[in-house]
Amino acid sequence: DKPHGNAVILTLDMNNREVYLAGFYKAEQYLDDRRLDKIRTKLT
């Protein structure tokens, strides 16, 4: 919708072998911590 707006980001850190998912604005509301946990569990 705008710069620094609705976004969900998956970051894959190949050095530390870690993955992080973050939801901003609308995505923070619809993809809360629990839902992001579910997504991460599915793709790990």
All heavy atoms as atom14 arrays in JSON, in Angstrom:
{
  "sequence": "DKPHGNAVILTLDMNNREVYLAGFYKAEQYLDDRRLDKIRTKLT",
  "atom14_mask": [
    [1, 1, 1, 1, 1, 1, 1, 1, 0, 0, 0, 0, 0, 0],
    [1, 1, 1, 1, 1, 1, 1, 1, 1, 0, 0, 0, 0, 0],
    [1, 1, 1, 1, 1, 1, 1, 0, 0, 0, 0, 0, 0, 0],
    [1, 1, 1, 1, 1, 1, 1, 1, 1, 1, 0, 0, 0, 0],
    [1, 1, 1, 1, 0, 0, 0, 0, 0, 0, 0, 0, 0, 0],
    [1, 1, 1, 1, 1, 1, 1, 1, 0, 0, 0, 0, 0, 0],
    [1, 1, 1, 1, 1, 0, 0, 0, 0, 0, 0, 0, 0, 0],
    [1, 1, 1, 1, 1, 1, 1, 0, 0, 0, 0, 0, 0, 0],
    [1, 1, 1, 1, 1, 1, 1, 1, 0, 0, 0, 0, 0, 0],
    [1, 1, 1, 1, 1, 1, 1, 1, 0, 0, 0, 0, 0, 0],
    [1, 1, 1, 1, 1, 1, 1, 0, 0, 0, 0, 0, 0, 0],
    [1, 1, 1, 1, 1, 1, 1, 1, 0, 0, 0, 0, 0, 0],
    [1, 1, 1, 1, 1, 1, 1, 1, 0, 0, 0, 0, 0, 0],
    [1, 1, 1, 1, 1, 1, 1, 1, 0, 0, 0, 0, 0, 0],
    [1, 1, 1, 1, 1, 1, 1, 1, 0, 0, 0, 0, 0, 0],
    [1, 1, 1, 1, 1, 1, 1, 1, 0, 0, 0, 0, 0, 0],
    [1, 1, 1, 1, 1, 1, 1, 1, 1, 1, 1, 0, 0, 0],
    [1, 1, 1, 1, 1, 1, 1, 1, 1, 0, 0, 0, 0, 0],
    [1, 1, 1, 1, 1, 1, 1, 0, 0, 0, 0, 0, 0, 0],
    [1, 1, 1, 1, 1, 1, 1, 1, 1, 1, 1, 1, 0, 0],
    [1, 1, 1, 1, 1, 1, 1, 1, 0, 0, 0, 0, 0, 0],
    [1, 1, 1, 1, 1, 0, 0, 0, 0, 0, 0, 0, 0, 0],
    [1, 1, 1, 1, 0, 0, 0, 0, 0, 0, 0, 0, 0, 0],
    [1, 1, 1, 1, 1, 1, 1, 1, 1, 1, 1, 0, 0, 0],
    [1, 1, 1, 1, 1, 1, 1, 1, 1, 1, 1, 1, 0, 0],
    [1, 1, 1, 1, 1, 1, 1, 1, 1, 0, 0, 0, 0, 0],
    [1, 1, 1, 1, 1, 0, 0, 0, 0, 0, 0, 0, 0, 0],
    [1, 1, 1, 1, 1, 1, 1, 1, 1, 0, 0, 0, 0, 0],
    [1, 1, 1, 1, 1, 1, 1, 1, 1, 0, 0, 0, 0, 0],
    [1, 1, 1, 1, 1, 1, 1, 1, 1, 1, 1, 1, 0, 0],
    [1, 1, 1, 1, 1, 1, 1, 1, 0, 0, 0, 0, 0, 0],
    [1, 1, 1, 1, 1, 1, 1, 1, 0, 0, 0, 0, 0, 0],
    [1, 1, 1, 1, 1, 1, 1, 1, 0, 0, 0, 0, 0, 0],
    [1, 1, 1, 1, 1, 1, 1, 1, 1, 1, 1, 0, 0, 0],
    [1, 1, 1, 1, 1, 1, 1, 1, 1, 1, 1, 0, 0, 0],
    [1, 1, 1, 1, 1, 1, 1, 1, 0, 0, 0, 0, 0, 0],
    [1, 1, 1, 1, 1, 1, 1, 1, 0, 0, 0, 0, 0, 0],
    [1, 1, 1, 1, 1, 1, 1, 1, 1, 0, 0, 0, 0, 0],
    [1, 1, 1, 1, 1, 1, 1, 1, 0, 0, 0, 0, 0, 0],
    [1, 1, 1, 1, 1, 1, 1, 1, 1, 1, 1, 0, 0, 0],
    [1, 1, 1, 1, 1, 1, 1, 0, 0, 0, 0, 0, 0, 0],
    [1, 1, 1, 1, 1, 1, 1, 1, 1, 0, 0, 0, 0, 0],
    [1, 1, 1, 1, 1, 1, 1, 1, 0, 0, 0, 0, 0, 0],
    [1, 1, 1, 1, 1, 1, 1, 0, 0, 0, 0, 0, 0, 0]
  ],
  "atom14_positions": [
    [[0.8, -1.22, 0.0], [0.0, 0.0, 0.0], [0.83, 1.27, 0.0], [0.41, 2.31, -0.5], [-0.93, 0.0, 1.22], [-0.18, -0.27, 2.52], [0.89, -0.9, 2.47], [-0.67, 0.13, 3.59], [0.0, 0.0, 0.0], [0.0, 0.0, 0.0], [0.0, 0.0, 0.0], [0.0, 0.0, 0.0], [0.0, 0.0, 0.0], [0.0, 0.0, 0.0]],
    [[2.05, 1.2, 0.56], [2.91, 2.36, 0.67], [4.3, 1.89, 1.09], [4.46, 0.75, 1.54], [2.35, 3.33, 1.72], [2.27, 2.71, 3.11], [1.7, 3.64, 4.14], [1.63, 2.95, 5.5], [1.09, 3.85, 6.55], [0.0, 0.0, 0.0], [0.0, 0.0, 0.0], [0.0, 0.0, 0.0], [0.0, 0.0, 0.0], [0.0, 0.0, 0.0]],
    [[5.32, 2.73, 0.97], [6.62, 2.36, 1.54], [6.48, 2.15, 3.04], [5.79, 2.91, 3.72], [7.5, 3.59, 1.22], [6.86, 4.22, 0.03], [5.39, 4.01, 0.22], [0.0, 0.0, 0.0], [0.0, 0.0, 0.0], [0.0, 0.0, 0.0], [0.0, 0.0, 0.0], [0.0, 0.0, 0.0], [0.0, 0.0, 0.0], [0.0, 0.0, 0.0]],
    [[7.13, 1.12, 3.55], [6.97, 0.71, 4.94], [5.48, 0.42, 5.23], [4.9, 0.96, 6.17], [7.5, 1.77, 5.92], [8.99, 1.92, 5.88], [9.61, 3.12, 5.66], [9.97, 1.01, 6.01], [10.93, 2.96, 5.66], [11.17, 1.67, 5.88], [0.0, 0.0, 0.0], [0.0, 0.0, 0.0], [0.0, 0.0, 0.0], [0.0, 0.0, 0.0]],
    [[4.9, -0.42, 4.39], [3.49, -0.77, 4.54], [3.3, -2.25, 4.8], [4.14, -2.9, 5.45], [0.0, 0.0, 0.0], [0.0, 0.0, 0.0], [0.0, 0.0, 0.0], [0.0, 0.0, 0.0], [0.0, 0.0, 0.0], [0.0, 0.0, 0.0], [0.0, 0.0, 0.0], [0.0, 0.0, 0.0], [0.0, 0.0, 0.0], [0.0, 0.0, 0.0]],
    [[2.21, -2.81, 4.25], [1.87, -4.21, 4.47], [2.91, -5.12, 3.83], [3.11, -5.08, 2.61], [0.5, -4.53, 3.87], [-0.6, -3.65, 4.43], [-0.5, -3.13, 5.53], [-1.65, -3.46, 3.65], [0.0, 0.0, 0.0], [0.0, 0.0, 0.0], [0.0, 0.0, 0.0], [0.0, 0.0, 0.0], [0.0, 0.0, 0.0], [0.0, 0.0, 0.0]],
    [[3.54, -5.95, 4.63], [4.56, -6.86, 4.11], [4.79, -8.03, 5.06], [4.62, -7.88, 6.28], [5.88, -6.13, 3.87], [0.0, 0.0, 0.0], [0.0, 0.0, 0.0], [0.0, 0.0, 0.0], [0.0, 0.0, 0.0], [0.0, 0.0, 0.0], [0.0, 0.0, 0.0], [0.0, 0.0, 0.0], [0.0, 0.0, 0.0], [0.0, 0.0, 0.0]],
    [[5.14, -9.17, 4.49], [5.6, -10.32, 5.28], [6.94, -10.75, 4.66], [7.06, -10.83, 3.44], [4.58, -11.48, 5.29], [4.19, -11.91, 3.89], [5.11, -12.67, 6.08], [0.0, 0.0, 0.0], [0.0, 0.0, 0.0], [0.0, 0.0, 0.0], [0.0, 0.0, 0.0], [0.0, 0.0, 0.0], [0.0, 0.0, 0.0], [0.0, 0.0, 0.0]],
    [[7.93, -10.97, 5.51], [9.28, -11.24, 5.05], [9.78, -12.55, 5.63], [9.64, -12.79, 6.84], [10.25, -10.11, 5.44], [9.77, -8.77, 4.88], [11.67, -10.4, 4.96], [10.57, -7.57, 5.39], [0.0, 0.0, 0.0], [0.0, 0.0, 0.0], [0.0, 0.0, 0.0], [0.0, 0.0, 0.0], [0.0, 0.0, 0.0], [0.0, 0.0, 0.0]],
    [[10.36, -13.39, 4.77], [11.07, -14.59, 5.22], [12.56, -14.35, 4.97], [12.96, -14.06, 3.85], [10.6, -15.82, 4.46], [11.26, -17.16, 4.82], [10.31, -18.32, 4.51], [12.58, -17.4, 4.06], [0.0, 0.0, 0.0], [0.0, 0.0, 0.0], [0.0, 0.0, 0.0], [0.0, 0.0, 0.0], [0.0, 0.0, 0.0], [0.0, 0.0, 0.0]],
    [[13.35, -14.45, 6.03], [14.81, -14.3, 5.9], [15.48, -15.63, 6.2], [15.26, -16.21, 7.27], [15.33, -13.22, 6.87], [14.66, -11.99, 6.6], [16.82, -13.02, 6.69], [0.0, 0.0, 0.0], [0.0, 0.0, 0.0], [0.0, 0.0, 0.0], [0.0, 0.0, 0.0], [0.0, 0.0, 0.0], [0.0, 0.0, 0.0], [0.0, 0.0, 0.0]],
    [[16.29, -16.09, 5.26], [17.01, -17.36, 5.41], [18.49, -17.07, 5.62], [19.17, -16.56, 4.73], [16.81, -18.21, 4.15], [17.21, -19.69, 4.26], [16.24, -20.43, 5.18], [17.22, -20.34, 2.88], [0.0, 0.0, 0.0], [0.0, 0.0, 0.0], [0.0, 0.0, 0.0], [0.0, 0.0, 0.0], [0.0, 0.0, 0.0], [0.0, 0.0, 0.0]],
    [[18.98, -17.38, 6.82], [20.38, -17.15, 7.19], [21.14, -18.46, 6.99], [21.05, -19.38, 7.81], [20.44, -16.69, 8.65], [21.86, -16.51, 9.15], [22.81, -16.7, 8.37], [22.02, -16.19, 10.35], [0.0, 0.0, 0.0], [0.0, 0.0, 0.0], [0.0, 0.0, 0.0], [0.0, 0.0, 0.0], [0.0, 0.0, 0.0], [0.0, 0.0, 0.0]],
    [[21.91, -18.54, 5.9], [22.61, -19.77, 5.58], [23.85, -20.0, 6.44], [24.37, -21.11, 6.53], [23.0, -19.77, 4.1], [21.83, -19.76, 3.15], [20.73, -21.19, 3.37], [21.8, -22.53, 2.84], [0.0, 0.0, 0.0], [0.0, 0.0, 0.0], [0.0, 0.0, 0.0], [0.0, 0.0, 0.0], [0.0, 0.0, 0.0], [0.0, 0.0, 0.0]],
    [[24.34, -18.95, 7.08], [25.53, -19.08, 7.93], [25.16, -19.75, 9.25], [25.77, -20.75, 9.65], [26.16, -17.7, 8.17], [27.56, -17.8, 8.78], [27.89, -18.76, 9.47], [28.38, -16.81, 8.51], [0.0, 0.0, 0.0], [0.0, 0.0, 0.0], [0.0, 0.0, 0.0], [0.0, 0.0, 0.0], [0.0, 0.0, 0.0], [0.0, 0.0, 0.0]],
    [[24.16, -19.2, 9.91], [23.74, -19.75, 11.21], [22.65, -20.81, 11.08], [22.19, -21.33, 12.09], [23.23, -18.61, 12.1], [24.31, -17.6, 12.43], [25.42, -17.97, 12.8], [23.99, -16.32, 12.27], [0.0, 0.0, 0.0], [0.0, 0.0, 0.0], [0.0, 0.0, 0.0], [0.0, 0.0, 0.0], [0.0, 0.0, 0.0], [0.0, 0.0, 0.0]],
    [[22.23, -21.09, 9.84], [21.18, -22.07, 9.57], [19.91, -21.74, 10.37], [19.32, -22.58, 11.06], [21.64, -23.49, 9.91], [22.88, -23.96, 9.17], [22.62, -24.22, 7.72], [21.72, -25.35, 7.5], [21.35, -25.78, 6.3], [21.82, -25.16, 5.2], [20.53, -26.8, 6.18], [0.0, 0.0, 0.0], [0.0, 0.0, 0.0], [0.0, 0.0, 0.0]],
    [[19.47, -20.49, 10.25], [18.26, -20.05, 10.91], [17.33, -19.39, 9.89], [17.77, -18.85, 8.88], [18.57, -19.04, 12.02], [19.09, -19.67, 13.3], [19.08, -18.68, 14.45], [19.68, -17.59, 14.32], [18.46, -18.99, 15.49], [0.0, 0.0, 0.0], [0.0, 0.0, 0.0], [0.0, 0.0, 0.0], [0.0, 0.0, 0.0], [0.0, 0.0, 0.0]],
    [[16.04, -19.42, 10.22], [15.03, -18.77, 9.39], [14.17, -17.89, 10.29], [13.9, -18.25, 11.44], [14.16, -19.8, 8.64], [13.43, -20.71, 9.61], [13.18, -19.1, 7.71], [0.0, 0.0, 0.0], [0.0, 0.0, 0.0], [0.0, 0.0, 0.0], [0.0, 0.0, 0.0], [0.0, 0.0, 0.0], [0.0, 0.0, 0.0], [0.0, 0.0, 0.0]],
    [[13.81, -16.72, 9.77], [12.96, -15.8, 10.54], [11.86, -15.26, 9.65], [12.11, -14.9, 8.5], [13.8, -14.63, 11.08], [13.02, -13.73, 12.03], [12.78, -14.13, 13.34], [12.55, -12.49, 11.61], [12.06, -13.31, 14.2], [11.84, -11.67, 12.47], [11.6, -12.08, 13.77], [10.9, -11.27, 14.62], [0.0, 0.0, 0.0], [0.0, 0.0, 0.0]],
    [[10.64, -15.24, 10.18], [9.49, -14.69, 9.46], [8.94, -13.51, 10.25], [8.82, -13.59, 11.49], [8.39, -15.74, 9.3], [8.64, -16.86, 8.27], [9.47, -17.97, 8.89], [7.32, -17.44, 7.78], [0.0, 0.0, 0.0], [0.0, 0.0, 0.0], [0.0, 0.0, 0.0], [0.0, 0.0, 0.0], [0.0, 0.0, 0.0], [0.0, 0.0, 0.0]],
    [[8.6, -12.43, 9.55], [8.08, -11.24, 10.2], [6.92, -10.67, 9.4], [6.96, -10.62, 8.17], [9.18, -10.19, 10.35], [0.0, 0.0, 0.0], [0.0, 0.0, 0.0], [0.0, 0.0, 0.0], [0.0, 0.0, 0.0], [0.0, 0.0, 0.0], [0.0, 0.0, 0.0], [0.0, 0.0, 0.0], [0.0, 0.0, 0.0], [0.0, 0.0, 0.0]],
    [[5.87, -10.23, 10.1], [4.72, -9.61, 9.46], [4.58, -8.16, 9.9], [4.66, -7.86, 11.1], [0.0, 0.0, 0.0], [0.0, 0.0, 0.0], [0.0, 0.0, 0.0], [0.0, 0.0, 0.0], [0.0, 0.0, 0.0], [0.0, 0.0, 0.0], [0.0, 0.0, 0.0], [0.0, 0.0, 0.0], [0.0, 0.0, 0.0], [0.0, 0.0, 0.0]],
    [[4.39, -7.26, 8.94], [4.3, -5.83, 9.23], [2.92, -5.3, 8.86], [2.37, -5.64, 7.81], [5.37, -5.07, 8.46], [6.78, -5.4, 8.87], [7.44, -6.49, 8.31], [7.44, -4.64, 9.82], [8.74, -6.8, 8.69], [8.73, -4.94, 10.2], [9.39, -6.03, 9.64], [0.0, 0.0, 0.0], [0.0, 0.0, 0.0], [0.0, 0.0, 0.0]],
    [[2.38, -4.44, 9.73], [1.1, -3.77, 9.53], [-0.03, -4.79, 9.31], [-0.31, -5.57, 10.21], [1.21, -2.72, 8.43], [2.12, -1.59, 8.88], [3.48, -1.59, 8.59], [1.61, -0.55, 9.68], [4.32, -0.59, 9.07], [2.45, 0.46, 10.14], [3.8, 0.43, 9.84], [4.63, 1.42, 10.32], [0.0, 0.0, 0.0], [0.0, 0.0, 0.0]],
    [[-0.67, -4.85, 8.17], [-1.77, -5.8, 7.98], [-1.28, -7.23, 8.23], [-2.01, -8.05, 8.82], [-2.34, -5.68, 6.58], [-3.5, -6.63, 6.3], [-4.02, -6.49, 4.88], [-5.15, -7.48, 4.61], [-5.64, -7.37, 3.21], [0.0, 0.0, 0.0], [0.0, 0.0, 0.0], [0.0, 0.0, 0.0], [0.0, 0.0, 0.0], [0.0, 0.0, 0.0]],
    [[-0.08, -7.54, 7.79], [0.46, -8.89, 7.98], [0.75, -9.17, 9.45], [0.69, -10.32, 9.88], [1.72, -9.07, 7.15], [0.0, 0.0, 0.0], [0.0, 0.0, 0.0], [0.0, 0.0, 0.0], [0.0, 0.0, 0.0], [0.0, 0.0, 0.0], [0.0, 0.0, 0.0], [0.0, 0.0, 0.0], [0.0, 0.0, 0.0], [0.0, 0.0, 0.0]],
    [[1.06, -8.14, 10.23], [1.27, -8.35, 11.66], [-0.04, -8.77, 12.33], [-0.04, -9.58, 13.26], [1.8, -7.07, 12.32], [2.05, -7.23, 13.82], [2.55, -5.96, 14.47], [2.47, -4.88, 13.84], [3.02, -6.04, 15.63], [0.0, 0.0, 0.0], [0.0, 0.0, 0.0], [0.0, 0.0, 0.0], [0.0, 0.0, 0.0], [0.0, 0.0, 0.0]],
    [[-1.15, -8.24, 11.83], [-2.46, -8.56, 12.39], [-2.92, -9.95, 11.98], [-3.39, -10.73, 12.82], [-3.48, -7.51, 11.94], [-4.89, -7.75, 12.48], [-5.9, -6.76, 11.92], [-5.58, -5.96, 11.04], [-7.12, -6.81, 12.44], [0.0, 0.0, 0.0], [0.0, 0.0, 0.0], [0.0, 0.0, 0.0], [0.0, 0.0, 0.0], [0.0, 0.0, 0.0]],
    [[-2.8, -10.26, 10.69], [-3.3, -11.54, 10.18], [-2.28, -12.68, 10.33], [-2.67, -13.84, 10.36], [-3.69, -11.39, 8.71], [-5.03, -10.73, 8.51], [-5.16, -9.35, 8.53], [-6.18, -11.49, 8.3], [-6.4, -8.73, 8.36], [-7.42, -10.88, 8.14], [-7.52, -9.51, 8.16], [-8.74, -8.89, 8.0], [0.0, 0.0, 0.0], [0.0, 0.0, 0.0]],
    [[-1.0, -12.34, 10.38], [0.05, -13.35, 10.56], [0.76, -13.04, 11.87], [1.89, -12.55, 11.9], [1.03, -13.33, 9.38], [0.43, -13.6, 7.99], [1.5, -13.47, 6.91], [-0.21, -14.98, 7.93], [0.0, 0.0, 0.0], [0.0, 0.0, 0.0], [0.0, 0.0, 0.0], [0.0, 0.0, 0.0], [0.0, 0.0, 0.0], [0.0, 0.0, 0.0]],
    [[0.09, -13.34, 12.98], [0.69, -13.09, 14.28], [1.76, -14.14, 14.57], [2.06, -14.99, 13.72], [-0.39, -13.07, 15.37], [-1.19, -14.38, 15.43], [-0.76, -15.38, 14.82], [-2.26, -14.4, 16.07], [0.0, 0.0, 0.0], [0.0, 0.0, 0.0], [0.0, 0.0, 0.0], [0.0, 0.0, 0.0], [0.0, 0.0, 0.0], [0.0, 0.0, 0.0]],
    [[2.34, -14.09, 15.76], [3.43, -15.01, 16.1], [3.03, -16.47, 15.93], [3.79, -17.28, 15.39], [3.89, -14.78, 17.54], [4.52, -13.41, 17.74], [4.72, -12.69, 16.74], [4.82, -13.05, 18.91], [0.0, 0.0, 0.0], [0.0, 0.0, 0.0], [0.0, 0.0, 0.0], [0.0, 0.0, 0.0], [0.0, 0.0, 0.0], [0.0, 0.0, 0.0]],
    [[1.81, -16.82, 16.37], [1.37, -18.21, 16.3], [1.21, -18.67, 14.87], [1.61, -19.8, 14.51], [0.06, -18.39, 17.06], [0.21, -18.35, 18.57], [-1.03, -18.86, 19.26], [-0.86, -18.93, 20.7], [-1.74, -19.48, 21.53], [-2.85, -20.03, 21.02], [-1.53, -19.52, 22.82], [0.0, 0.0, 0.0], [0.0, 0.0, 0.0], [0.0, 0.0, 0.0]],
    [[0.62, -17.84, 14.05], [0.44, -18.23, 12.64], [1.78, -18.33, 11.92], [1.97, -19.21, 11.08], [-0.49, -17.25, 11.93], [-1.94, -17.37, 12.39], [-2.89, -16.57, 11.51], [-4.28, -16.77, 11.91], [-5.32, -16.3, 11.25], [-5.13, -15.55, 10.15], [-6.55, -16.52, 11.66], [0.0, 0.0, 0.0], [0.0, 0.0, 0.0], [0.0, 0.0, 0.0]],
    [[2.69, -17.43, 12.24], [4.03, -17.52, 11.64], [4.75, -18.78, 12.12], [5.51, -19.39, 11.35], [4.84, -16.27, 11.97], [4.39, -14.97, 11.29], [5.29, -13.81, 11.72], [4.4, -15.1, 9.77], [0.0, 0.0, 0.0], [0.0, 0.0, 0.0], [0.0, 0.0, 0.0], [0.0, 0.0, 0.0], [0.0, 0.0, 0.0], [0.0, 0.0, 0.0]],
    [[4.53, -19.16, 13.37], [5.1, -20.43, 13.86], [4.59, -21.6, 13.03], [5.35, -22.52, 12.69], [4.73, -20.65, 15.33], [5.57, -19.82, 16.29], [6.65, -19.36, 15.88], [5.15, -19.64, 17.45], [0.0, 0.0, 0.0], [0.0, 0.0, 0.0], [0.0, 0.0, 0.0], [0.0, 0.0, 0.0], [0.0, 0.0, 0.0], [0.0, 0.0, 0.0]],
    [[3.3, -21.59, 12.73], [2.71, -22.67, 11.94], [3.33, -22.71, 10.54], [3.64, -23.79, 10.01], [1.19, -22.47, 11.83], [0.41, -22.78, 13.1], [-1.07, -22.49, 12.91], [-1.89, -22.93, 14.1], [-1.99, -24.4, 14.22], [0.0, 0.0, 0.0], [0.0, 0.0, 0.0], [0.0, 0.0, 0.0], [0.0, 0.0, 0.0], [0.0, 0.0, 0.0]],
    [[3.49, -21.54, 9.93], [4.08, -21.49, 8.58], [5.51, -22.02, 8.63], [5.91, -22.84, 7.79], [4.06, -20.05, 8.04], [2.62, -19.57, 7.84], [4.83, -19.97, 6.72], [2.51, -18.11, 7.44], [0.0, 0.0, 0.0], [0.0, 0.0, 0.0], [0.0, 0.0, 0.0], [0.0, 0.0, 0.0], [0.0, 0.0, 0.0], [0.0, 0.0, 0.0]],
    [[6.27, -21.57, 9.61], [7.67, -22.0, 9.72], [7.78, -23.52, 9.93], [8.65, -24.18, 9.34], [8.36, -21.25, 10.86], [9.84, -21.59, 11.03], [10.48, -20.77, 12.14], [9.74, -20.88, 13.37], [9.82, -21.92, 14.2], [10.6, -22.96, 13.89], [9.13, -21.95, 15.32], [0.0, 0.0, 0.0], [0.0, 0.0, 0.0], [0.0, 0.0, 0.0]],
    [[6.87, -24.05, 10.74], [6.88, -25.5, 10.98], [6.62, -26.28, 9.7], [7.2, -27.35, 9.48], [5.82, -25.86, 12.05], [6.12, -25.17, 13.26], [5.8, -27.35, 12.32], [0.0, 0.0, 0.0], [0.0, 0.0, 0.0], [0.0, 0.0, 0.0], [0.0, 0.0, 0.0], [0.0, 0.0, 0.0], [0.0, 0.0, 0.0], [0.0, 0.0, 0.0]],
    [[5.75, -25.76, 8.84], [5.41, -26.45, 7.6], [6.58, -26.5, 6.62], [6.76, -27.48, 5.89], [4.21, -25.75, 6.92], [2.89, -25.88, 7.66], [1.79, -25.11, 6.95], [0.49, -25.09, 7.74], [-0.13, -26.43, 7.89], [0.0, 0.0, 0.0], [0.0, 0.0, 0.0], [0.0, 0.0, 0.0], [0.0, 0.0, 0.0], [0.0, 0.0, 0.0]],
    [[7.39, -25.43, 6.58], [8.44, -25.38, 5.56], [9.82, -25.79, 6.06], [10.74, -26.02, 5.25], [8.5, -23.99, 4.93], [8.72, -22.77, 5.84], [10.19, -22.47, 6.08], [8.04, -21.54, 5.23], [0.0, 0.0, 0.0], [0.0, 0.0, 0.0], [0.0, 0.0, 0.0], [0.0, 0.0, 0.0], [0.0, 0.0, 0.0], [0.0, 0.0, 0.0]],
    [[10.01, -25.93, 7.37], [11.33, -26.27, 7.91], [11.88, -27.6, 7.39], [13.07, -27.68, 7.05], [11.29, -26.27, 9.45], [11.05, -24.94, 9.91], [12.62, -26.75, 10.04], [0.0, 0.0, 0.0], [0.0, 0.0, 0.0], [0.0, 0.0, 0.0], [0.0, 0.0, 0.0], [0.0, 0.0, 0.0], [0.0, 0.0, 0.0], [0.0, 0.0, 0.0]]
  ]
}
